[in-house]
Amino acid sequence: MNRQLSIPAGAEQWLINLIELKNRTETSVKQIAEMENLSEKSVSNVFLGKSKNPGVDLIRRIIHALGGSWREIFGES
């Protein structure tokens, strides 16, 4: 079962965009982790706003698993 994530208080716009993409695609944290060979905890921490500086590679891999684009999340090229 996929559950929708809520937006953490004070979340930056990129995280809001990422959570909205995750909710639209109905992809679970577990599915993302499995698709990109990541730990569930690291993926979960990003979506919960607990990862203060998650790193470009991790975010790119999450975006890839969700079928999104960097521009869609960050509004830049």
N, C-alpha and C. Protein backbone atom coordinates (compact mmCIF):
# COMPACT_ATOMS: atom_id res chain seq x y z
N MET A 1 0.83 -1.17 0.00
CA MET A 1 0.00 0.00 0.00
C MET A 1 0.89 1.25 0.00
N ASN A 2 0.59 2.19 -0.86
CA ASN A 2 1.30 3.45 -0.92
C ASN A 2 0.50 4.49 -0.17
N ARG A 3 1.17 5.19 0.73
CA ARG A 3 0.45 6.24 1.43
C ARG A 3 1.06 7.57 1.04
N GLN A 4 0.23 8.58 1.02
CA GLN A 4 0.72 9.89 0.65
C GLN A 4 1.48 10.49 1.81
N LEU A 5 2.55 11.18 1.46
CA LEU A 5 3.36 11.87 2.47
C LEU A 5 2.86 13.29 2.61
N SER A 6 2.90 13.80 3.82
CA SER A 6 2.56 15.20 4.03
C SER A 6 3.83 16.03 3.93
N ILE A 7 3.65 17.31 3.74
CA ILE A 7 4.77 18.23 3.61
C ILE A 7 5.28 18.60 5.00
N PRO A 8 6.57 18.38 5.28
CA PRO A 8 7.11 18.76 6.59
C PRO A 8 7.08 20.28 6.76
N ALA A 9 6.85 20.74 7.97
CA ALA A 9 6.85 22.17 8.24
C ALA A 9 8.18 22.78 7.85
N GLY A 10 8.14 23.91 7.16
CA GLY A 10 9.36 24.61 6.77
C GLY A 10 10.11 23.97 5.62
N ALA A 11 9.47 23.05 4.91
CA ALA A 11 10.14 22.37 3.80
C ALA A 11 10.47 23.35 2.68
N GLU A 12 11.63 23.16 2.08
CA GLU A 12 12.01 23.96 0.93
C GLU A 12 11.19 23.53 -0.28
N GLN A 13 11.08 24.41 -1.27
CA GLN A 13 10.24 24.15 -2.43
C GLN A 13 10.64 22.87 -3.17
N TRP A 14 11.93 22.58 -3.28
CA TRP A 14 12.33 21.36 -3.99
C TRP A 14 11.78 20.12 -3.31
N LEU A 15 11.74 20.13 -1.97
CA LEU A 15 11.22 18.97 -1.24
C LEU A 15 9.71 18.87 -1.42
N ILE A 16 9.04 20.00 -1.40
CA ILE A 16 7.60 20.01 -1.65
C ILE A 16 7.32 19.41 -3.03
N ASN A 17 8.09 19.84 -4.04
CA ASN A 17 7.92 19.31 -5.40
C ASN A 17 8.19 17.81 -5.46
N LEU A 18 9.22 17.36 -4.75
CA LEU A 18 9.56 15.94 -4.74
C LEU A 18 8.46 15.11 -4.08
N ILE A 19 7.94 15.59 -2.97
CA ILE A 19 6.85 14.88 -2.27
C ILE A 19 5.60 14.84 -3.15
N GLU A 20 5.31 15.94 -3.81
CA GLU A 20 4.14 15.97 -4.70
C GLU A 20 4.30 14.98 -5.85
N LEU A 21 5.52 14.87 -6.40
CA LEU A 21 5.79 13.90 -7.46
C LEU A 21 5.61 12.48 -6.93
N LYS A 22 6.13 12.21 -5.76
CA LYS A 22 5.99 10.88 -5.16
C LYS A 22 4.53 10.53 -4.96
N ASN A 23 3.76 11.49 -4.45
CA ASN A 23 2.34 11.25 -4.22
C ASN A 23 1.59 11.02 -5.53
N ARG A 24 1.92 11.79 -6.57
CA ARG A 24 1.27 11.62 -7.88
C ARG A 24 1.56 10.26 -8.48
N THR A 25 2.78 9.80 -8.33
CA THR A 25 3.17 8.51 -8.93
C THR A 25 2.79 7.32 -8.07
N GLU A 26 2.37 7.60 -6.85
CA GLU A 26 1.97 6.54 -5.91
C GLU A 26 3.05 5.49 -5.74
N THR A 27 4.28 5.96 -5.65
CA THR A 27 5.43 5.08 -5.47
C THR A 27 5.83 5.10 -4.00
N SER A 28 6.07 3.95 -3.42
CA SER A 28 6.43 3.88 -2.01
C SER A 28 7.93 4.13 -1.83
N VAL A 29 8.30 4.49 -0.62
CA VAL A 29 9.71 4.66 -0.27
C VAL A 29 10.46 3.35 -0.53
N LYS A 30 9.84 2.25 -0.18
CA LYS A 30 10.47 0.94 -0.39
C LYS A 30 10.71 0.70 -1.88
N GLN A 31 9.74 1.02 -2.72
CA GLN A 31 9.91 0.83 -4.17
C GLN A 31 11.04 1.70 -4.71
N ILE A 32 11.09 2.94 -4.27
CA ILE A 32 12.16 3.85 -4.71
C ILE A 32 13.52 3.27 -4.32
N ALA A 33 13.63 2.85 -3.06
CA ALA A 33 14.89 2.30 -2.56
C ALA A 33 15.30 1.08 -3.37
N GLU A 34 14.36 0.20 -3.64
CA GLU A 34 14.67 -1.02 -4.41
C GLU A 34 15.06 -0.70 -5.85
N MET A 35 14.35 0.24 -6.49
CA MET A 35 14.65 0.58 -7.89
C MET A 35 16.04 1.16 -8.06
N GLU A 36 16.49 1.91 -7.06
CA GLU A 36 17.77 2.61 -7.18
C GLU A 36 18.86 2.03 -6.28
N ASN A 37 18.58 0.88 -5.66
CA ASN A 37 19.54 0.23 -4.77
C ASN A 37 20.03 1.19 -3.67
N LEU A 38 19.06 1.80 -3.00
CA LEU A 38 19.33 2.73 -1.90
C LEU A 38 18.76 2.15 -0.62
N SER A 39 19.19 2.67 0.51
CA SER A 39 18.59 2.22 1.77
C SER A 39 17.24 2.92 1.95
N GLU A 40 16.28 2.17 2.45
CA GLU A 40 14.96 2.74 2.73
C GLU A 40 15.08 3.93 3.69
N LYS A 41 15.96 3.80 4.67
CA LYS A 41 16.12 4.85 5.67
C LYS A 41 16.58 6.16 5.03
N SER A 42 17.56 6.09 4.13
CA SER A 42 18.05 7.33 3.50
C SER A 42 16.97 7.97 2.64
N VAL A 43 16.20 7.17 1.92
CA VAL A 43 15.11 7.70 1.09
C VAL A 43 14.02 8.29 1.99
N SER A 44 13.66 7.56 3.02
CA SER A 44 12.64 8.03 3.95
C SER A 44 13.05 9.35 4.61
N ASN A 45 14.31 9.44 5.01
CA ASN A 45 14.79 10.67 5.66
C ASN A 45 14.67 11.88 4.74
N VAL A 46 14.89 11.69 3.45
CA VAL A 46 14.73 12.80 2.50
C VAL A 46 13.28 13.26 2.52
N PHE A 47 12.35 12.33 2.37
CA PHE A 47 10.94 12.70 2.29
C PHE A 47 10.38 13.25 3.59
N LEU A 48 10.97 12.86 4.70
CA LEU A 48 10.51 13.37 6.00
C LEU A 48 11.17 14.69 6.38
N GLY A 49 12.08 15.16 5.53
CA GLY A 49 12.78 16.41 5.80
C GLY A 49 13.85 16.28 6.87
N LYS A 50 14.27 15.04 7.15
CA LYS A 50 15.28 14.80 8.18
C LYS A 50 16.69 14.85 7.63
N SER A 51 16.81 14.80 6.32
CA SER A 51 18.12 14.83 5.68
C SER A 51 18.39 16.27 5.26
N LYS A 52 19.17 16.98 6.05
CA LYS A 52 19.38 18.41 5.83
C LYS A 52 20.20 18.72 4.58
N ASN A 53 21.10 17.84 4.22
CA ASN A 53 21.93 18.02 3.03
C ASN A 53 22.08 16.67 2.34
N PRO A 54 21.02 16.23 1.61
CA PRO A 54 21.00 14.86 1.10
C PRO A 54 21.97 14.52 -0.02
N GLY A 55 22.52 15.48 -0.70
CA GLY A 55 23.47 15.19 -1.77
C GLY A 55 22.78 15.04 -3.12
N VAL A 56 23.47 15.51 -4.13
CA VAL A 56 22.94 15.54 -5.49
C VAL A 56 22.66 14.13 -6.02
N ASP A 57 23.56 13.19 -5.81
CA ASP A 57 23.39 11.84 -6.34
C ASP A 57 22.13 11.18 -5.78
N LEU A 58 21.92 11.29 -4.49
CA LEU A 58 20.75 10.68 -3.86
C LEU A 58 19.47 11.29 -4.43
N ILE A 59 19.42 12.61 -4.55
CA ILE A 59 18.22 13.26 -5.07
C ILE A 59 17.99 12.89 -6.54
N ARG A 60 19.05 12.87 -7.33
CA ARG A 60 18.91 12.47 -8.74
C ARG A 60 18.36 11.05 -8.86
N ARG A 61 18.83 10.16 -8.02
CA ARG A 61 18.36 8.77 -8.08
C ARG A 61 16.90 8.65 -7.67
N ILE A 62 16.49 9.42 -6.68
CA ILE A 62 15.07 9.42 -6.27
C ILE A 62 14.21 9.97 -7.41
N ILE A 63 14.65 11.08 -7.99
CA ILE A 63 13.90 11.67 -9.11
C ILE A 63 13.79 10.67 -10.25
N HIS A 64 14.90 9.98 -10.56
CA HIS A 64 14.91 8.97 -11.62
C HIS A 64 13.90 7.87 -11.33
N ALA A 65 13.88 7.37 -10.11
CA ALA A 65 12.96 6.30 -9.75
C ALA A 65 11.50 6.74 -9.91
N LEU A 66 11.25 8.02 -9.70
CA LEU A 66 9.88 8.55 -9.80
C LEU A 66 9.52 8.96 -11.23
N GLY A 67 10.49 8.87 -12.14
CA GLY A 67 10.21 9.24 -13.53
C GLY A 67 10.14 10.73 -13.75
N GLY A 68 10.72 11.49 -12.84
CA GLY A 68 10.69 12.94 -12.94
C GLY A 68 11.96 13.50 -13.53
N SER A 69 12.07 14.81 -13.48
CA SER A 69 13.27 15.48 -14.00
C SER A 69 13.79 16.48 -12.97
N TRP A 70 15.07 16.77 -13.09
CA TRP A 70 15.70 17.75 -12.21
C TRP A 70 14.97 19.09 -12.32
N ARG A 71 14.66 19.48 -13.55
CA ARG A 71 13.98 20.75 -13.79
C ARG A 71 12.60 20.78 -13.11
N GLU A 72 11.90 19.67 -13.16
CA GLU A 72 10.58 19.57 -12.53
C GLU A 72 10.68 19.82 -11.02
N ILE A 73 11.73 19.35 -10.41
CA ILE A 73 11.90 19.46 -8.96
C ILE A 73 12.53 20.80 -8.56
N PHE A 74 13.56 21.20 -9.30
CA PHE A 74 14.32 22.40 -8.90
C PHE A 74 14.04 23.62 -9.77
N GLY A 75 13.34 23.43 -10.90
CA GLY A 75 13.02 24.55 -11.76
C GLY A 75 14.23 25.15 -12.44
N GLU A 76 15.26 24.35 -12.64
CA GLU A 76 16.47 24.82 -13.29
C GLU A 76 17.03 23.72 -14.18
N SER A 77 17.98 24.08 -15.01
CA SER A 77 18.56 23.08 -15.92
C SER A 77 19.77 22.42 -15.30
